[in-house]
Amino acid sequence: MVYDVIIIGSGPAGLSAAIYAKRAELSCVVIEKAGFSGGQIINTYEIDNYPGLPGISGYDLSARLREHCDKLNTAFVTGEVVDFKLEDGIKVIILNDGTEYRTKTVVIASGGRPRHLNVPGEDKFAGLGLSYCATCDGAFFKNKTVAVVGGGDVAVEDAIFLSRLCKKVYVIHRRNEFRAIKSSANKLLAIENVEVLWDSVVESINGTETVESLNIKNVKTGEASVLGVDGIFIAVGYIPNSQIFKDIVATDANGYIIAGENCETNIPGVFAAGDIRTKELRQIVTAVADGANAITAVEKYLNNI
């Protein structure tokens, strides 16, 4: 079978694309790596910037998006894409179990993965006091002292969440102001058990069996210090999951697939949606919009418009 469209990824962009594809009566299948839908948002404790659903959890929003897809009888397949080929206008997608899927068009909505600090101790203590997901692992640090590294929306949201559980939360940020939206940043700064270490970076993560301390350096003064903590949460951005496609579609210097608001890449019939594409703002609302735009472009392509 040759599908009209295959959607790679089941985060907000992929699920939105699936909804629009089914409403357009296109034959489609969604390939999801994890075996569950939602992508990165499933780990978000509270979402306050998705219109009409203030305070909804990432898990609940993911469930609602998936329920909408299921109501439309959307087909889902669990597997990791390991190869991607172009054959006379047909796109061939190969999964890790060897299964091949053939399609006229493809929407790449595979999102990204957490960026690492690449400092001594990071690999050693992963899962042993070091985490990239506060909502996943925060409960293990109840009444303990932790550090959050980063200054964007995710880091600030993580720190707010952890402040409700932990005795003390340090936020380590290499700049002297947050990049997160002002309302969230101001909310964080008002929390009594949160302390921000501005202009600072982590140079190493230390301990014996689990995380016990961090070596910190002030990037302006050069002053070094040791910070005692029971855990560290790293939230310094994401790396796009574009490795499989980078030799076929054009990407920028950071690995994001180059595509405009219509989600078209440099390859006819290949579209990129959500966090994986070049864009100014990476939010749930823009990912959902990408899904809709991508399928509109797919329809035009299929109809030769």
C-alpha atoms as a PDB file:
ATOM      1  CA  MET A   1       0.000   0.000   0.000  1.00  0.00           C
ATOM      2  CA  VAL A   2       1.093   3.538  -0.749  1.00  0.00           C
ATOM      3  CA  TYR A   3      -0.324   6.012   1.752  1.00  0.00           C
ATOM      4  CA  ASP A   4      -1.279   9.570   0.918  1.00  0.00           C
ATOM      5  CA  VAL A   5       0.737  10.774   3.936  1.00  0.00           C
ATOM      6  CA  ILE A   6       2.790   9.277   6.724  1.00  0.00           C
ATOM      7  CA  ILE A   7       3.352  11.337   9.858  1.00  0.00           C
ATOM      8  CA  ILE A   8       6.556  10.686  11.799  1.00  0.00           C
ATOM      9  CA  GLY A   9       6.090  11.648  15.429  1.00  0.00           C
ATOM     10  CA  SER A  10       3.082  11.918  17.729  1.00  0.00           C
ATOM     11  CA  GLY A  11       3.690  15.121  19.656  1.00  0.00           C
ATOM     12  CA  PRO A  12       1.289  18.069  19.243  1.00  0.00           C
ATOM     13  CA  ALA A  13       2.430  18.707  15.643  1.00  0.00           C
ATOM     14  CA  GLY A  14       2.069  15.077  14.593  1.00  0.00           C
ATOM     15  CA  LEU A  15      -1.290  14.595  16.292  1.00  0.00           C
ATOM     16  CA  SER A  16      -2.624  17.833  14.829  1.00  0.00           C
ATOM     17  CA  ALA A  17      -1.453  16.720  11.380  1.00  0.00           C
ATOM     18  CA  ALA A  18      -3.183  13.368  11.885  1.00  0.00           C
ATOM     19  CA  ILE A  19      -6.468  15.042  12.795  1.00  0.00           C
ATOM     20  CA  TYR A  20      -6.362  17.259   9.723  1.00  0.00           C
ATOM     21  CA  ALA A  21      -5.319  14.362   7.485  1.00  0.00           C
ATOM     22  CA  LYS A  22      -8.227  12.198   8.601  1.00  0.00           C
ATOM     23  CA  ARG A  23     -10.658  15.096   8.235  1.00  0.00           C
ATOM     24  CA  ALA A  24      -9.357  15.514   4.681  1.00  0.00           C
ATOM     25  CA  GLU A  25      -9.986  11.792   4.137  1.00  0.00           C
ATOM     26  CA  LEU A  26      -6.348  11.091   3.331  1.00  0.00           C
ATOM     27  CA  SER A  27      -4.971   7.612   3.897  1.00  0.00           C
ATOM     28  CA  CYS A  28      -2.412   8.019   6.645  1.00  0.00           C
ATOM     29  CA  VAL A  29      -0.530   6.391   9.489  1.00  0.00           C
ATOM     30  CA  VAL A  30       1.304   7.936  12.428  1.00  0.00           C
ATOM     31  CA  ILE A  31       4.642   6.423  13.436  1.00  0.00           C
ATOM     32  CA  GLU A  32       5.537   6.991  17.091  1.00  0.00           C
ATOM     33  CA  LYS A  33       8.799   5.871  18.628  1.00  0.00           C
ATOM     34  CA  ALA A  34       7.814   5.681  22.282  1.00  0.00           C
ATOM     35  CA  GLY A  35       4.597   3.702  22.028  1.00  0.00           C
ATOM     36  CA  PHE A  36       2.597   6.553  23.535  1.00  0.00           C
ATOM     37  CA  SER A  37       1.536   9.936  22.210  1.00  0.00           C
ATOM     38  CA  GLY A  38       2.377  13.444  23.387  1.00  0.00           C
ATOM     39  CA  GLY A  39       6.086  13.901  22.783  1.00  0.00           C
ATOM     40  CA  GLN A  40       7.901  16.243  25.172  1.00  0.00           C
ATOM     41  CA  ILE A  41       4.733  17.799  26.604  1.00  0.00           C
ATOM     42  CA  ILE A  42       3.745  14.596  28.353  1.00  0.00           C
ATOM     43  CA  ASN A  43       6.397  15.479  30.959  1.00  0.00           C
ATOM     44  CA  THR A  44       5.073  19.007  31.569  1.00  0.00           C
ATOM     45  CA  TYR A  45       3.372  19.388  34.931  1.00  0.00           C
ATOM     46  CA  GLU A  46       1.260  22.419  34.087  1.00  0.00           C
ATOM     47  CA  ILE A  47       0.584  24.253  30.828  1.00  0.00           C
ATOM     48  CA  ASP A  48      -0.636  27.817  31.151  1.00  0.00           C
ATOM     49  CA  ASN A  49      -0.147  29.133  27.626  1.00  0.00           C
ATOM     50  CA  TYR A  50      -2.385  26.861  25.536  1.00  0.00           C
ATOM     51  CA  PRO A  51      -5.492  28.885  24.643  1.00  0.00           C
ATOM     52  CA  GLY A  52      -8.688  27.847  26.362  1.00  0.00           C
ATOM     53  CA  LEU A  53      -7.114  25.222  28.636  1.00  0.00           C
ATOM     54  CA  PRO A  54      -5.213  27.125  31.343  1.00  0.00           C
ATOM     55  CA  GLY A  55      -3.483  24.921  33.889  1.00  0.00           C
ATOM     56  CA  ILE A  56      -3.972  21.661  32.022  1.00  0.00           C
ATOM     57  CA  SER A  57      -1.201  19.110  32.500  1.00  0.00           C
ATOM     58  CA  GLY A  58       0.874  17.949  29.578  1.00  0.00           C
ATOM     59  CA  TYR A  59      -0.363  14.402  30.140  1.00  0.00           C
ATOM     60  CA  ASP A  60      -4.013  15.452  29.973  1.00  0.00           C
ATOM     61  CA  LEU A  61      -3.523  17.598  26.875  1.00  0.00           C
ATOM     62  CA  SER A  62      -1.709  14.708  25.188  1.00  0.00           C
ATOM     63  CA  ALA A  63      -4.575  12.396  26.080  1.00  0.00           C
ATOM     64  CA  ARG A  64      -7.149  14.774  24.610  1.00  0.00           C
ATOM     65  CA  LEU A  65      -5.226  15.128  21.361  1.00  0.00           C
ATOM     66  CA  ARG A  66      -4.842  11.342  21.095  1.00  0.00           C
ATOM     67  CA  GLU A  67      -8.550  10.814  21.881  1.00  0.00           C
ATOM     68  CA  HIS A  68      -9.421  13.155  19.011  1.00  0.00           C
ATOM     69  CA  CYS A  69      -7.231  11.075  16.693  1.00  0.00           C
ATOM     70  CA  ASP A  70      -8.768   7.829  17.923  1.00  0.00           C
ATOM     71  CA  LYS A  71     -12.262   9.210  17.369  1.00  0.00           C
ATOM     72  CA  LEU A  72     -11.287   9.651  13.714  1.00  0.00           C
ATOM     73  CA  ASN A  73      -9.904   6.066  13.564  1.00  0.00           C
ATOM     74  CA  THR A  74      -6.331   7.204  12.988  1.00  0.00           C
ATOM     75  CA  ALA A  75      -3.825   4.377  12.539  1.00  0.00           C
ATOM     76  CA  PHE A  76      -0.760   4.382  14.833  1.00  0.00           C
ATOM     77  CA  VAL A  77       2.384   2.266  14.544  1.00  0.00           C
ATOM     78  CA  THR A  78       5.109   1.956  17.176  1.00  0.00           C
ATOM     79  CA  GLY A  79       8.638   1.912  15.825  1.00  0.00           C
ATOM     80  CA  GLU A  80      11.827   3.879  15.284  1.00  0.00           C
ATOM     81  CA  VAL A  81      12.570   5.259  11.834  1.00  0.00           C
ATOM     82  CA  VAL A  82      16.070   4.102  10.887  1.00  0.00           C
ATOM     83  CA  ASP A  83      16.125   4.955   7.183  1.00  0.00           C
ATOM     84  CA  PHE A  84      14.361   7.239   4.750  1.00  0.00           C
ATOM     85  CA  LYS A  85      14.588   6.928   0.957  1.00  0.00           C
ATOM     86  CA  LEU A  86      13.169   8.603  -2.122  1.00  0.00           C
ATOM     87  CA  GLU A  87      12.124   6.320  -5.005  1.00  0.00           C
ATOM     88  CA  ASP A  88      10.568   7.947  -8.087  1.00  0.00           C
ATOM     89  CA  GLY A  89       8.454  10.350  -6.100  1.00  0.00           C
ATOM     90  CA  ILE A  90       7.533   7.755  -3.481  1.00  0.00           C
ATOM     91  CA  LYS A  91       8.924   8.131   0.027  1.00  0.00           C
ATOM     92  CA  VAL A  92      10.066   4.924   1.708  1.00  0.00           C
ATOM     93  CA  ILE A  93      10.256   4.805   5.496  1.00  0.00           C
ATOM     94  CA  ILE A  94      12.050   1.898   7.143  1.00  0.00           C
ATOM     95  CA  LEU A  95      11.568   1.031  10.803  1.00  0.00           C
ATOM     96  CA  ASN A  96      13.954  -0.676  13.201  1.00  0.00           C
ATOM     97  CA  ASP A  97      12.126  -3.999  12.806  1.00  0.00           C
ATOM     98  CA  GLY A  98      12.682  -3.894   9.036  1.00  0.00           C
ATOM     99  CA  THR A  99       9.124  -2.933   8.152  1.00  0.00           C
ATOM    100  CA  GLU A 100       8.838  -0.604   5.148  1.00  0.00           C
ATOM    101  CA  TYR A 101       6.117   1.969   4.637  1.00  0.00           C
ATOM    102  CA  ARG A 102       5.553   3.690   1.307  1.00  0.00           C
ATOM    103  CA  THR A 103       3.848   7.051   0.941  1.00  0.00           C
ATOM    104  CA  LYS A 104       3.282   9.887  -1.504  1.00  0.00           C
ATOM    105  CA  THR A 105       4.076  12.491   1.146  1.00  0.00           C
ATOM    106  CA  VAL A 106       5.590  12.575   4.612  1.00  0.00           C
ATOM    107  CA  VAL A 107       5.279  14.997   7.513  1.00  0.00           C
ATOM    108  CA  ILE A 108       8.361  14.913   9.734  1.00  0.00           C
ATOM    109  CA  ALA A 109       7.264  15.860  13.238  1.00  0.00           C
ATOM    110  CA  SER A 110       9.822  13.943  15.263  1.00  0.00           C
ATOM    111  CA  GLY A 111      10.638  16.803  17.655  1.00  0.00           C
ATOM    112  CA  GLY A 112      13.846  16.801  19.673  1.00  0.00           C
ATOM    113  CA  ARG A 113      15.678  15.394  22.683  1.00  0.00           C
ATOM    114  CA  PRO A 114      17.201  17.104  25.724  1.00  0.00           C
ATOM    115  CA  ARG A 115      20.520  18.876  25.202  1.00  0.00           C
ATOM    116  CA  HIS A 116      23.326  17.802  27.537  1.00  0.00           C
ATOM    117  CA  LEU A 117      25.812  20.005  29.367  1.00  0.00           C
ATOM    118  CA  ASN A 118      28.696  17.713  28.359  1.00  0.00           C
ATOM    119  CA  VAL A 119      30.520  18.172  31.653  1.00  0.00           C
ATOM    120  CA  PRO A 120      32.352  15.604  33.808  1.00  0.00           C
ATOM    121  CA  GLY A 121      29.932  13.473  35.811  1.00  0.00           C
ATOM    122  CA  GLU A 122      26.923  13.982  33.548  1.00  0.00           C
ATOM    123  CA  ASP A 123      26.957  10.507  32.031  1.00  0.00           C
ATOM    124  CA  LYS A 124      27.990   8.857  35.306  1.00  0.00           C
ATOM    125  CA  PHE A 125      25.104  10.247  37.348  1.00  0.00           C
ATOM    126  CA  ALA A 126      22.295  10.040  34.786  1.00  0.00           C
ATOM    127  CA  GLY A 127      19.458   8.428  36.726  1.00  0.00           C
ATOM    128  CA  LEU A 128      21.508   8.668  39.928  1.00  0.00           C
ATOM    129  CA  GLY A 129      20.499  12.143  40.970  1.00  0.00           C
ATOM    130  CA  LEU A 130      20.668  13.683  37.502  1.00  0.00           C
ATOM    131  CA  SER A 131      17.531  14.047  35.402  1.00  0.00           C
ATOM    132  CA  TYR A 132      16.296  15.831  32.296  1.00  0.00           C
ATOM    133  CA  CYS A 133      12.646  15.624  33.388  1.00  0.00           C
ATOM    134  CA  ALA A 134      11.492  17.316  36.586  1.00  0.00           C
ATOM    135  CA  THR A 135       7.927  16.030  36.400  1.00  0.00           C
ATOM    136  CA  CYS A 136       9.172  12.490  35.841  1.00  0.00           C
ATOM    137  CA  ASP A 137      11.658  12.392  38.710  1.00  0.00           C
ATOM    138  CA  GLY A 138      10.865  15.313  41.000  1.00  0.00           C
ATOM    139  CA  ALA A 139       9.014  13.143  43.521  1.00  0.00           C
ATOM    140  CA  PHE A 140      12.271  11.351  44.351  1.00  0.00           C
ATOM    141  CA  PHE A 141      13.659  14.604  45.765  1.00  0.00           C
ATOM    142  CA  LYS A 142      10.901  15.545  48.189  1.00  0.00           C
ATOM    143  CA  ASN A 143      12.276  17.727  50.999  1.00  0.00           C
ATOM    144  CA  LYS A 144      15.747  17.666  49.441  1.00  0.00           C
ATOM    145  CA  THR A 145      17.982  20.289  47.820  1.00  0.00           C
ATOM    146  CA  VAL A 146      18.232  20.355  44.045  1.00  0.00           C
ATOM    147  CA  ALA A 147      19.551  22.529  41.222  1.00  0.00           C
ATOM    148  CA  VAL A 148      17.924  23.359  37.904  1.00  0.00           C
ATOM    149  CA  VAL A 149      20.220  24.389  35.057  1.00  0.00           C
ATOM    150  CA  GLY A 150      18.794  26.694  32.389  1.00  0.00           C
ATOM    151  CA  GLY A 151      16.921  29.935  31.907  1.00  0.00           C
ATOM    152  CA  GLY A 152      14.225  29.225  29.342  1.00  0.00           C
ATOM    153  CA  ASP A 153      10.563  28.322  29.747  1.00  0.00           C
ATOM    154  CA  VAL A 154      11.206  24.667  30.582  1.00  0.00           C
ATOM    155  CA  ALA A 155      13.839  25.451  33.216  1.00  0.00           C
ATOM    156  CA  VAL A 156      11.619  28.018  34.916  1.00  0.00           C
ATOM    157  CA  GLU A 157       8.578  25.713  34.827  1.00  0.00           C
ATOM    158  CA  ASP A 158      10.684  22.879  36.243  1.00  0.00           C
ATOM    159  CA  ALA A 159      11.975  25.072  39.070  1.00  0.00           C
ATOM    160  CA  ILE A 160       8.451  26.191  39.987  1.00  0.00           C
ATOM    161  CA  PHE A 161       7.282  22.594  40.039  1.00  0.00           C
ATOM    162  CA  LEU A 162      10.233  21.430  42.157  1.00  0.00           C
ATOM    163  CA  SER A 163       9.802  24.291  44.631  1.00  0.00           C
ATOM    164  CA  ARG A 164       6.556  22.669  45.727  1.00  0.00           C
ATOM    165  CA  LEU A 165       8.361  19.439  46.595  1.00  0.00           C
ATOM    166  CA  CYS A 166      11.898  20.337  47.557  1.00  0.00           C
ATOM    167  CA  LYS A 167      13.380  22.053  50.580  1.00  0.00           C
ATOM    168  CA  LYS A 168      15.595  24.262  48.393  1.00  0.00           C
ATOM    169  CA  VAL A 169      15.871  24.875  44.663  1.00  0.00           C
ATOM    170  CA  TYR A 170      18.855  26.584  43.063  1.00  0.00           C
ATOM    171  CA  VAL A 171      18.488  27.832  39.494  1.00  0.00           C
ATOM    172  CA  ILE A 172      21.807  28.091  37.656  1.00  0.00           C
ATOM    173  CA  HIS A 173      21.724  30.323  34.584  1.00  0.00           C
ATOM    174  CA  ARG A 174      24.628  31.531  32.465  1.00  0.00           C
ATOM    175  CA  ARG A 175      22.996  34.916  31.791  1.00  0.00           C
ATOM    176  CA  ASN A 176      21.770  37.696  34.093  1.00  0.00           C
ATOM    177  CA  GLU A 177      18.116  37.397  33.117  1.00  0.00           C
ATOM    178  CA  PHE A 178      15.740  34.619  32.138  1.00  0.00           C
ATOM    179  CA  ARG A 179      14.726  33.894  28.569  1.00  0.00           C
ATOM    180  CA  ALA A 180      11.409  32.500  29.805  1.00  0.00           C
ATOM    181  CA  ILE A 181       8.193  34.473  29.505  1.00  0.00           C
ATOM    182  CA  LYS A 182       7.983  37.272  32.066  1.00  0.00           C
ATOM    183  CA  SER A 183       4.940  35.967  33.930  1.00  0.00           C
ATOM    184  CA  SER A 184       6.599  32.625  34.683  1.00  0.00           C
ATOM    185  CA  ALA A 185       9.955  34.240  35.518  1.00  0.00           C
ATOM    186  CA  ASN A 186       8.352  36.684  37.949  1.00  0.00           C
ATOM    187  CA  LYS A 187       6.397  33.865  39.568  1.00  0.00           C
ATOM    188  CA  LEU A 188       9.620  31.929  40.113  1.00  0.00           C
ATOM    189  CA  LEU A 189      11.500  34.895  41.554  1.00  0.00           C
ATOM    190  CA  ALA A 190       8.785  35.369  44.165  1.00  0.00           C
ATOM    191  CA  ILE A 191       9.139  31.847  45.590  1.00  0.00           C
ATOM    192  CA  GLU A 192      10.948  31.860  48.934  1.00  0.00           C
ATOM    193  CA  ASN A 193      12.790  28.535  48.664  1.00  0.00           C
ATOM    194  CA  VAL A 194      14.228  29.343  45.212  1.00  0.00           C
ATOM    195  CA  GLU A 195      17.628  30.993  44.777  1.00  0.00           C
ATOM    196  CA  VAL A 196      18.974  32.025  41.369  1.00  0.00           C
ATOM    197  CA  LEU A 197      22.700  31.884  40.636  1.00  0.00           C
ATOM    198  CA  TRP A 198      23.069  34.351  37.775  1.00  0.00           C
ATOM    199  CA  ASP A 199      25.952  34.403  35.275  1.00  0.00           C
ATOM    200  CA  SER A 200      26.947  30.905  36.366  1.00  0.00           C
ATOM    201  CA  VAL A 201      27.666  27.548  34.743  1.00  0.00           C
ATOM    202  CA  VAL A 202      28.153  23.996  35.988  1.00  0.00           C
ATOM    203  CA  GLU A 203      31.689  22.747  35.397  1.00  0.00           C
ATOM    204  CA  SER A 204      31.320  19.266  36.907  1.00  0.00           C
ATOM    205  CA  ILE A 205      28.825  17.051  38.705  1.00  0.00           C
ATOM    206  CA  ASN A 206      30.288  15.258  41.704  1.00  0.00           C
ATOM    207  CA  GLY A 207      29.478  12.431  44.079  1.00  0.00           C
ATOM    208  CA  THR A 208      30.208   8.845  44.963  1.00  0.00           C
ATOM    209  CA  GLU A 209      27.158   6.706  44.219  1.00  0.00           C
ATOM    210  CA  THR A 210      24.746   9.603  43.605  1.00  0.00           C
ATOM    211  CA  VAL A 211      24.972  13.354  43.013  1.00  0.00           C
ATOM    212  CA  GLU A 212      26.371  15.206  46.027  1.00  0.00           C
ATOM    213  CA  SER A 213      27.705  18.528  44.718  1.00  0.00           C
ATOM    214  CA  LEU A 214      28.341  20.728  41.696  1.00  0.00           C
ATOM    215  CA  ASN A 215      31.380  22.739  40.729  1.00  0.00           C
ATOM    216  CA  ILE A 216      30.101  26.182  39.700  1.00  0.00           C
ATOM    217  CA  LYS A 217      31.882  29.048  37.956  1.00  0.00           C
ATOM    218  CA  ASN A 218      30.755  32.615  37.588  1.00  0.00           C
ATOM    219  CA  VAL A 219      31.327  33.466  33.913  1.00  0.00           C
ATOM    220  CA  LYS A 220      31.861  37.176  34.630  1.00  0.00           C
ATOM    221  CA  THR A 221      34.153  37.081  37.647  1.00  0.00           C
ATOM    222  CA  GLY A 222      35.691  33.643  37.147  1.00  0.00           C
ATOM    223  CA  GLU A 223      34.944  32.814  40.773  1.00  0.00           C
ATOM    224  CA  ALA A 224      34.661  29.068  41.448  1.00  0.00           C
ATOM    225  CA  SER A 225      32.494  27.494  44.126  1.00  0.00           C
ATOM    226  CA  VAL A 226      31.083  24.160  45.233  1.00  0.00           C
ATOM    227  CA  LEU A 227      27.323  23.799  45.652  1.00  0.00           C
ATOM    228  CA  GLY A 228      25.990  20.923  47.744  1.00  0.00           C
ATOM    229  CA  VAL A 229      22.865  19.361  46.226  1.00  0.00           C
ATOM    230  CA  ASP A 230      21.006  16.058  46.257  1.00  0.00           C
ATOM    231  CA  GLY A 231      20.060  16.269  42.602  1.00  0.00           C
ATOM    232  CA  ILE A 232      20.347  18.240  39.397  1.00  0.00           C
ATOM    233  CA  PHE A 233      17.786  18.808  36.643  1.00  0.00           C
ATOM    234  CA  ILE A 234      19.154  19.912  33.276  1.00  0.00           C
ATOM    235  CA  ALA A 235      16.882  22.028  31.061  1.00  0.00           C
ATOM    236  CA  VAL A 236      19.104  23.760  28.507  1.00  0.00           C
ATOM    237  CA  GLY A 237      17.144  23.109  25.341  1.00  0.00           C
ATOM    238  CA  TYR A 238      16.709  20.375  22.801  1.00  0.00           C
ATOM    239  CA  ILE A 239      18.479  18.868  19.822  1.00  0.00           C
ATOM    240  CA  PRO A 240      16.244  18.207  16.797  1.00  0.00           C
ATOM    241  CA  ASN A 241      15.711  14.549  15.887  1.00  0.00           C
ATOM    242  CA  SER A 242      16.678  15.126  12.271  1.00  0.00           C
ATOM    243  CA  GLN A 243      19.703  12.842  11.861  1.00  0.00           C
ATOM    244  CA  ILE A 244      17.919  10.340   9.603  1.00  0.00           C
ATOM    245  CA  PHE A 245      16.777  13.101   7.245  1.00  0.00           C
ATOM    246  CA  LYS A 246      19.695  15.550   7.196  1.00  0.00           C
ATOM    247  CA  ASP A 247      21.345  14.050   4.111  1.00  0.00           C
ATOM    248  CA  ILE A 248      18.076  14.338   2.169  1.00  0.00           C
ATOM    249  CA  VAL A 249      16.372  17.534   3.345  1.00  0.00           C
ATOM    250  CA  ALA A 250      18.117  20.833   3.977  1.00  0.00           C
ATOM    251  CA  THR A 251      18.890  21.706   7.610  1.00  0.00           C
ATOM    252  CA  ASP A 252      20.391  24.732   9.308  1.00  0.00           C
ATOM    253  CA  ALA A 253      23.615  24.795  11.321  1.00  0.00           C
ATOM    254  CA  ASN A 254      21.792  23.491  14.410  1.00  0.00           C
ATOM    255  CA  GLY A 255      20.162  20.579  12.625  1.00  0.00           C
ATOM    256  CA  TYR A 256      16.667  22.037  12.322  1.00  0.00           C
ATOM    257  CA  ILE A 257      14.926  21.238   9.045  1.00  0.00           C
ATOM    258  CA  ILE A 258      14.566  24.345   6.916  1.00  0.00           C
ATOM    259  CA  ALA A 259      10.866  24.936   6.241  1.00  0.00           C
ATOM    260  CA  GLY A 260       8.600  27.959   6.260  1.00  0.00           C
ATOM    261  CA  GLU A 261       5.086  28.463   7.621  1.00  0.00           C
ATOM    262  CA  ASN A 262       3.703  26.111   4.974  1.00  0.00           C
ATOM    263  CA  CYS A 263       6.091  23.448   6.319  1.00  0.00           C
ATOM    264  CA  GLU A 264       7.508  22.698   2.858  1.00  0.00           C
ATOM    265  CA  THR A 265      11.113  21.515   2.734  1.00  0.00           C
ATOM    266  CA  ASN A 266      13.427  21.605  -0.267  1.00  0.00           C
ATOM    267  CA  ILE A 267      12.187  18.136  -1.281  1.00  0.00           C
ATOM    268  CA  PRO A 268       8.756  18.001  -2.972  1.00  0.00           C
ATOM    269  CA  GLY A 269       6.310  16.011  -0.881  1.00  0.00           C
ATOM    270  CA  VAL A 270       8.381  16.211   2.300  1.00  0.00           C
ATOM    271  CA  PHE A 271       7.156  18.535   5.057  1.00  0.00           C
ATOM    272  CA  ALA A 272       8.478  19.421   8.509  1.00  0.00           C
ATOM    273  CA  ALA A 273       6.242  20.411  11.423  1.00  0.00           C
ATOM    274  CA  GLY A 274       6.704  21.363  15.049  1.00  0.00           C
ATOM    275  CA  ASP A 275       9.919  21.758  16.998  1.00  0.00           C
ATOM    276  CA  ILE A 276      12.018  20.086  14.299  1.00  0.00           C
ATOM    277  CA  ARG A 277      11.645  22.906  11.787  1.00  0.00           C
ATOM    278  CA  THR A 278      13.273  26.344  11.670  1.00  0.00           C
ATOM    279  CA  LYS A 279      11.003  28.839  13.415  1.00  0.00           C
ATOM    280  CA  GLU A 280      11.041  31.779  15.797  1.00  0.00           C
ATOM    281  CA  LEU A 281       8.750  30.329  18.461  1.00  0.00           C
ATOM    282  CA  ARG A 282       8.603  26.695  19.585  1.00  0.00           C
ATOM    283  CA  GLN A 283       5.434  26.296  21.630  1.00  0.00           C
ATOM    284  CA  ILE A 284       2.551  23.835  21.702  1.00  0.00           C
ATOM    285  CA  VAL A 285       0.288  26.293  19.916  1.00  0.00           C
ATOM    286  CA  THR A 286       2.784  26.772  17.064  1.00  0.00           C
ATOM    287  CA  ALA A 287       3.329  23.015  16.793  1.00  0.00           C
ATOM    288  CA  VAL A 288      -0.417  22.422  16.477  1.00  0.00           C
ATOM    289  CA  ALA A 289      -0.605  25.162  13.835  1.00  0.00           C
ATOM    290  CA  ASP A 290       2.261  23.492  11.952  1.00  0.00           C
ATOM    291  CA  GLY A 291       0.306  20.238  11.839  1.00  0.00           C
ATOM    292  CA  ALA A 292      -2.616  21.989  10.189  1.00  0.00           C
ATOM    293  CA  ASN A 293      -0.413  23.921   7.763  1.00  0.00           C
ATOM    294  CA  ALA A 294       1.536  20.812   6.827  1.00  0.00           C
ATOM    295  CA  ILE A 295      -1.582  18.866   5.840  1.00  0.00           C
ATOM    296  CA  THR A 296      -2.932  21.838   3.883  1.00  0.00           C
ATOM    297  CA  ALA A 297       0.349  21.821   1.946  1.00  0.00           C
ATOM    298  CA  VAL A 298       0.119  18.033   1.548  1.00  0.00           C
ATOM    299  CA  GLU A 299      -3.338  18.365  -0.015  1.00  0.00           C
ATOM    300  CA  LYS A 300      -2.091  20.995  -2.462  1.00  0.00           C
ATOM    301  CA  TYR A 301       0.831  18.788  -3.402  1.00  0.00           C
ATOM    302  CA  LEU A 302      -1.367  15.723  -3.941  1.00  0.00           C
ATOM    303  CA  ASN A 303      -3.782  17.761  -6.048  1.00  0.00           C
ATOM    304  CA  ASN A 304      -0.946  19.398  -8.010  1.00  0.00           C
ATOM    305  CA  ILE A 305      -2.132  22.839  -7.045  1.00  0.00           C
END
